[in-house]
Protein backbone atom coordinates (compact mmCIF):
# COMPACT_ATOMS: atom_id res chain seq x y z
CA UNK A 1 0.06 3.16 51.02
CA UNK A 2 -2.15 1.61 53.68
CA UNK A 3 0.76 1.40 56.10
CA UNK A 4 1.70 5.03 55.48
CA UNK A 5 -1.86 6.21 56.13
CA UNK A 6 -2.13 4.11 59.30
CA UNK A 7 1.20 5.39 60.65
CA UNK A 8 0.40 9.02 59.86
CA UNK A 9 -3.28 9.24 60.84
CA UNK A 10 -3.97 6.16 62.99
CA UNK A 11 -7.70 5.47 63.05
CA UNK A 12 -8.59 9.07 62.18
CA UNK A 13 -9.22 10.41 58.70
CA UNK A 14 -7.17 13.39 57.52
CA UNK A 15 -8.84 16.81 57.81
CA UNK A 16 -8.34 17.38 54.08
CA UNK A 17 -7.57 15.09 51.13
CA UNK A 18 -4.02 13.74 51.01
CA UNK A 19 -1.94 14.76 47.99
CA UNK A 20 0.01 11.69 46.87
CA UNK A 21 3.33 12.08 45.12
CA UNK A 22 3.48 9.69 42.18
CA UNK A 23 6.09 8.36 39.83
CA UNK A 24 5.85 8.15 36.06
CA UNK A 25 4.65 4.54 36.16
CA UNK A 26 1.83 2.92 34.27
CA UNK A 27 -1.36 4.95 33.96
CA UNK A 28 -3.30 1.81 34.91
CA UNK A 29 -1.34 1.41 38.11
CA UNK A 30 -1.90 5.07 38.93
CA UNK A 31 -5.66 4.67 38.47
CA UNK A 32 -5.72 1.65 40.78
CA UNK A 33 -3.69 3.59 43.34
CA UNK A 34 -6.14 6.50 43.26
CA UNK A 35 -9.08 4.11 43.65
CA UNK A 36 -7.39 2.48 46.66
CA UNK A 37 -6.74 5.90 48.23
CA UNK A 38 -10.42 6.77 47.84
CA UNK A 39 -11.35 3.51 49.57
CA UNK A 40 -9.13 4.55 52.49
CA UNK A 41 -10.90 7.91 52.64
CA UNK A 42 -7.63 9.69 51.94
């Protein structure tokens, strides 16, 4: 996720929140992923 954000936006934050496509994996993993995205400012 971090690599994708860096490649797409560089050092800039996106103008609006990024909508992440998710799989049907564990709900715990999904929560951790959302928390990480918030830390990135995405």
